[in-house]
Amino acid sequence: MSGIRDPKTITVSKYPSRIVCLTEETTETLYLLGEGDRVVGISGYTVRPPEARAKPKVSAFINARFDKIEALNPDLILGFSDLQADIAAELIRRGHTVVIFNQRTIAEILRMIRTVGALVGCQAAGESLVDDLERGLDGFRERALRLGRRPRVFFEEWDDPLISGICWVDELIEIAGGDSIFPRLRSAGLAKDRIVTAEAVREADPEVIIASWCGKAMKKRTIVERPGWSAISAVRNDHIYEIKSTYILQPGPASLTEGIARLHQCMERSVRA
């Protein structure tokens, strides 16, 4: 019959070969595995690696261009978190294969990397990448021991309302040599459950403030001029730092390499001032 393909002529790759990544961390993972050529579409927020920016941009974080995604004929779509649930549901309704990760801890980030490796038939490369990342974290644990003391740290994920305590960042702060002032928040997965008051921060008196305002530049003046914050040790001693969100709020290789390196630099500056 006209228009019907013989099933014998349809070839299916053993592993996905046309992958759309709706967030940064899976794109970077695939490139680190040596499989960047399989990536056919990316998030508009993608920065790492720079060469990935040449791929078609098909999504932001909470919205996507379904027409552009479908035009790429993907055989696998990768996303992250409950915030992309509606995007995933629509893509599934359209007949696509979708895998959504929801990693919130360092252990879960490493498991995500292993899983991505398995999905593309690169299990050994995935395990090797995880081993390298774990060795890097161990190196920062050793460097942290040489600091002499552990400064109190407030990590500011958003400025209004104040949001803090996302789990993998809290864990990385500890590995880098600091102590988070709100460790209880790390068990809360949703941002709305990690809102803190300016008064609570002031009372905790952090020695280091690190801001990463999720896609917008930190304004130091905003932090310094908050009522009562002039008495906070970090403000008084000028230990206010910014780490761009692409390095620390991306739960993937970037946060376990560049992110923790920048965290450790902040700790060193504060204890050696």
Protein backbone atom coordinates (compact mmCIF):
# COMPACT_ATOMS: atom_id res chain seq x y z
CA MET A 1 0.00 0.00 0.00
CA SER A 2 1.18 3.50 -0.84
CA GLY A 3 2.51 5.54 2.10
CA ILE A 4 3.23 2.55 4.38
CA ARG A 5 6.88 1.74 5.05
CA ASP A 6 8.06 -1.82 5.22
CA PRO A 7 9.07 -2.41 8.88
CA LYS A 8 12.13 -4.24 7.61
CA THR A 9 13.47 -0.99 6.11
CA ILE A 10 13.14 1.02 9.36
CA THR A 11 16.44 1.22 11.18
CA VAL A 12 16.54 2.06 14.86
CA SER A 13 19.79 3.05 16.54
CA LYS A 14 20.84 0.82 19.40
CA TYR A 15 21.13 3.91 21.60
CA PRO A 16 19.65 7.43 21.26
CA SER A 17 21.46 9.48 18.64
CA ARG A 18 19.35 12.67 18.46
CA ILE A 19 19.07 14.09 21.97
CA VAL A 20 17.41 17.31 23.09
CA CYS A 21 18.57 18.66 26.47
CA LEU A 22 16.15 21.03 28.17
CA THR A 23 18.69 22.09 30.83
CA GLU A 24 22.43 22.64 30.97
CA GLU A 25 23.75 19.77 33.05
CA THR A 26 22.85 16.91 30.70
CA THR A 27 24.34 18.79 27.75
CA GLU A 28 27.63 19.24 29.59
CA THR A 29 27.59 15.61 30.72
CA LEU A 30 27.15 14.32 27.16
CA TYR A 31 30.02 16.48 25.93
CA LEU A 32 32.25 15.27 28.75
CA LEU A 33 31.40 11.72 27.75
CA GLY A 34 32.58 12.52 24.22
CA GLU A 35 29.03 12.30 22.86
CA GLY A 36 28.29 15.95 22.11
CA ASP A 37 27.52 15.13 18.48
CA ARG A 38 24.35 13.38 19.66
CA VAL A 39 22.98 16.63 21.10
CA VAL A 40 20.68 18.26 18.55
CA GLY A 41 18.87 20.83 20.73
CA ILE A 42 19.71 22.73 23.91
CA SER A 43 18.39 25.16 26.51
CA GLY A 44 18.91 28.83 25.77
CA TYR A 45 20.71 29.11 29.12
CA THR A 46 23.44 26.68 28.10
CA VAL A 47 26.97 28.01 28.59
CA ARG A 48 29.13 24.90 29.04
CA PRO A 49 30.83 23.83 26.91
CA PRO A 50 31.02 26.89 24.63
CA GLU A 51 30.79 24.81 21.46
CA ALA A 52 27.37 23.55 22.50
CA ARG A 53 26.00 27.06 21.99
CA ALA A 54 26.03 26.41 18.26
CA LYS A 55 23.21 23.87 18.63
CA PRO A 56 19.58 24.98 18.12
CA LYS A 57 18.08 26.55 21.25
CA VAL A 58 14.67 25.07 21.92
CA SER A 59 13.76 25.93 25.51
CA ALA A 60 14.13 28.19 28.49
CA PHE A 61 13.58 26.58 31.89
CA ILE A 62 9.81 26.59 32.30
CA ASN A 63 8.81 26.82 28.64
CA ALA A 64 9.80 25.18 25.39
CA ARG A 65 9.31 25.56 21.64
CA PHE A 66 7.55 22.32 20.84
CA ASP A 67 7.58 23.01 17.10
CA LYS A 68 11.36 23.46 17.11
CA ILE A 69 11.85 20.32 19.20
CA GLU A 70 9.71 18.21 16.89
CA ALA A 71 11.51 19.55 13.82
CA LEU A 72 14.73 18.10 15.24
CA ASN A 73 13.19 14.58 15.28
CA PRO A 74 14.68 13.65 18.68
CA ASP A 75 14.80 10.08 19.91
CA LEU A 76 15.43 11.17 23.51
CA ILE A 77 14.61 14.33 25.46
CA LEU A 78 16.28 15.04 28.80
CA GLY A 79 14.99 17.48 31.42
CA PHE A 80 15.25 18.41 35.07
CA SER A 81 12.91 18.91 38.03
CA ASP A 82 9.22 19.22 38.78
CA LEU A 83 9.29 22.67 37.15
CA GLN A 84 9.55 20.95 33.76
CA ALA A 85 6.71 18.52 34.44
CA ASP A 86 4.25 20.32 32.15
CA ILE A 87 6.80 20.45 29.32
CA ALA A 88 7.52 16.75 29.75
CA ALA A 89 3.81 15.86 29.79
CA GLU A 90 3.18 17.70 26.54
CA LEU A 91 6.17 16.07 24.85
CA ILE A 92 5.01 12.65 26.00
CA ARG A 93 1.54 13.35 24.63
CA ARG A 94 3.22 14.14 21.33
CA GLY A 95 4.84 10.72 21.35
CA HIS A 96 8.38 11.54 22.44
CA THR A 97 10.61 9.63 24.83
CA VAL A 98 11.35 11.86 27.82
CA VAL A 99 13.56 11.32 30.87
CA ILE A 100 13.28 13.86 33.69
CA PHE A 101 15.93 13.90 36.39
CA ASN A 102 15.38 15.48 39.81
CA GLN A 103 18.84 15.40 41.40
CA ARG A 104 19.17 17.48 44.58
CA THR A 105 22.23 16.05 46.29
CA ILE A 106 25.81 15.39 45.21
CA ALA A 107 25.10 11.64 45.26
CA GLU A 108 22.09 12.16 43.00
CA ILE A 109 24.11 14.33 40.61
CA LEU A 110 26.66 11.55 40.27
CA ARG A 111 23.87 9.02 39.73
CA MET A 112 22.40 11.26 37.00
CA ILE A 113 25.77 11.24 35.22
CA ARG A 114 25.96 7.45 35.44
CA THR A 115 22.41 7.18 34.10
CA VAL A 116 23.06 9.49 31.16
CA GLY A 117 26.12 7.41 30.33
CA ALA A 118 24.02 4.23 30.39
CA LEU A 119 21.28 5.79 28.24
CA VAL A 120 23.73 6.43 25.43
CA GLY A 121 25.66 3.17 25.78
CA CYS A 122 28.70 4.74 27.47
CA GLN A 123 28.54 3.12 30.88
CA ALA A 124 32.31 2.83 31.26
CA ALA A 125 32.85 6.46 30.30
CA GLY A 126 30.13 7.48 32.74
CA GLU A 127 31.77 5.59 35.59
CA SER A 128 35.15 7.09 34.70
CA LEU A 129 33.71 10.61 34.70
CA VAL A 130 32.12 10.02 38.10
CA ASP A 131 35.43 8.70 39.45
CA ASP A 132 37.19 11.85 38.24
CA LEU A 133 34.57 14.10 39.84
CA GLU A 134 34.76 12.22 43.15
CA ARG A 135 38.57 12.54 43.17
CA GLY A 136 38.18 16.26 42.60
CA LEU A 137 35.80 16.57 45.55
CA ASP A 138 38.21 14.61 47.74
CA GLY A 139 40.92 17.08 46.79
CA PHE A 140 38.81 19.97 48.05
CA ARG A 141 38.10 18.09 51.29
CA GLU A 142 41.84 17.90 51.87
CA ARG A 143 42.35 21.58 51.01
CA ALA A 144 39.56 22.52 53.40
CA LEU A 145 41.40 20.88 56.28
CA ARG A 146 44.29 23.27 55.75
CA LEU A 147 42.13 26.37 56.22
CA GLY A 148 42.45 26.20 60.00
CA ARG A 149 38.82 27.13 60.70
CA ARG A 150 35.42 26.91 59.07
CA PRO A 151 33.65 30.24 58.37
CA ARG A 152 29.88 30.59 58.71
CA VAL A 153 28.36 30.93 55.24
CA PHE A 154 25.10 32.32 53.91
CA PHE A 155 24.41 31.27 50.32
CA GLU A 156 21.83 33.55 48.74
CA GLU A 157 20.04 31.81 45.88
CA TRP A 158 17.56 34.65 45.37
CA ASP A 159 17.27 38.14 46.80
CA ASP A 160 13.54 38.83 47.11
CA PRO A 161 12.37 36.79 48.86
CA LEU A 162 15.59 35.50 50.35
CA ILE A 163 16.05 31.87 49.37
CA SER A 164 18.85 29.66 50.63
CA GLY A 165 19.85 26.09 51.48
CA ILE A 166 19.54 24.18 48.19
CA CYS A 167 20.97 20.80 49.09
CA TRP A 168 23.88 20.22 46.71
CA VAL A 169 25.17 23.76 47.32
CA ASP A 170 25.04 23.25 51.08
CA GLU A 171 26.97 20.01 50.68
CA LEU A 172 29.55 21.71 48.47
CA ILE A 173 29.97 24.54 50.99
CA GLU A 174 30.87 21.95 53.63
CA ILE A 175 33.34 20.20 51.32
CA ALA A 176 34.89 23.56 50.42
CA GLY A 177 35.55 24.32 54.09
CA GLY A 178 32.57 26.33 55.34
CA ASP A 179 29.48 25.77 57.46
CA SER A 180 26.08 26.76 56.14
CA ILE A 181 24.06 28.87 58.57
CA PHE A 182 20.81 27.11 57.60
CA PRO A 183 21.68 23.39 57.27
CA ARG A 184 18.10 22.40 58.16
CA LEU A 185 16.88 23.78 54.81
CA ARG A 186 18.72 21.25 52.68
CA SER A 187 15.97 18.66 53.14
CA ALA A 188 13.44 21.01 51.52
CA GLY A 189 13.26 20.41 47.78
CA LEU A 190 11.03 23.34 46.83
CA ALA A 191 12.24 26.92 46.78
CA LYS A 192 9.15 28.14 48.62
CA ASP A 193 10.17 25.98 51.56
CA ARG A 194 13.64 27.52 51.69
CA ILE A 195 12.66 31.15 52.18
CA VAL A 196 14.44 32.84 55.09
CA THR A 197 14.04 36.21 56.75
CA ALA A 198 16.60 39.00 56.77
CA GLU A 199 16.36 38.94 60.56
CA ALA A 200 17.29 35.26 60.71
CA VAL A 201 20.36 35.88 58.57
CA ARG A 202 21.39 38.82 60.74
CA GLU A 203 21.05 36.74 63.90
CA ALA A 204 23.14 33.92 62.41
CA ASP A 205 25.89 36.46 61.60
CA PRO A 206 27.52 34.80 58.57
CA GLU A 207 31.21 35.51 57.99
CA VAL A 208 30.80 34.93 54.26
CA ILE A 209 27.88 35.82 51.99
CA ILE A 210 27.80 34.21 48.56
CA ALA A 211 25.13 35.30 46.10
CA SER A 212 23.99 33.52 42.96
CA TRP A 213 20.77 35.12 41.86
CA CYS A 214 19.77 32.50 39.29
CA GLY A 215 20.33 34.28 36.02
CA LYS A 216 20.72 37.91 37.11
CA ALA A 217 23.76 39.78 38.35
CA MET A 218 24.28 40.24 42.07
CA LYS A 219 24.04 43.84 43.29
CA LYS A 220 26.30 44.21 46.28
CA ARG A 221 24.59 47.43 47.31
CA THR A 222 21.30 45.55 47.70
CA ILE A 223 22.91 43.25 50.27
CA VAL A 224 24.90 45.91 52.13
CA GLU A 225 21.96 48.28 52.51
CA ARG A 226 19.50 45.81 54.02
CA PRO A 227 18.32 47.10 57.40
CA GLY A 228 20.59 45.90 60.18
CA TRP A 229 22.98 44.06 57.91
CA SER A 230 25.83 46.51 58.44
CA ALA A 231 26.51 44.63 61.70
CA ILE A 232 26.86 41.25 59.96
CA SER A 233 30.47 40.04 59.93
CA ALA A 234 30.50 39.34 56.18
CA VAL A 235 29.26 42.86 55.42
CA ARG A 236 31.51 44.54 57.97
CA ASN A 237 34.61 42.73 56.66
CA ASP A 238 33.61 42.90 52.98
CA HIS A 239 33.36 39.15 52.39
CA ILE A 240 30.48 39.30 49.92
CA TYR A 241 31.02 37.30 46.76
CA GLU A 242 29.14 36.29 43.64
CA ILE A 243 29.25 32.94 41.87
CA LYS A 244 27.38 32.86 38.58
CA SER A 245 24.44 30.49 38.59
CA THR A 246 25.75 28.50 35.63
CA TYR A 247 28.64 27.35 37.85
CA ILE A 248 26.80 26.56 41.08
CA LEU A 249 23.04 26.26 40.50
CA GLN A 250 23.40 23.75 37.68
CA PRO A 251 23.22 20.33 39.38
CA GLY A 252 25.78 18.68 37.19
CA PRO A 253 29.50 18.64 36.40
CA ALA A 254 29.83 22.45 36.56
CA SER A 255 28.89 22.67 40.23
CA LEU A 256 31.19 19.77 41.14
CA THR A 257 34.19 21.39 39.42
CA GLU A 258 34.05 25.13 38.80
CA GLY A 259 31.40 25.73 41.44
CA ILE A 260 33.23 24.14 44.33
CA ALA A 261 36.52 25.74 43.23
CA ARG A 262 34.94 29.18 43.52
CA LEU A 263 33.36 28.31 46.85
CA HIS A 264 36.74 27.28 48.20
CA GLN A 265 38.28 30.55 46.99
CA CYS A 266 35.67 32.43 49.01
CA MET A 267 36.52 30.41 52.13
CA GLU A 268 40.26 31.04 51.67
CA ARG A 269 39.79 34.79 51.32
CA SER A 270 37.66 34.99 54.44
CA VAL A 271 39.95 33.03 56.76
CA ARG A 272 43.19 34.62 55.49
CA ALA A 273 42.03 38.21 55.51
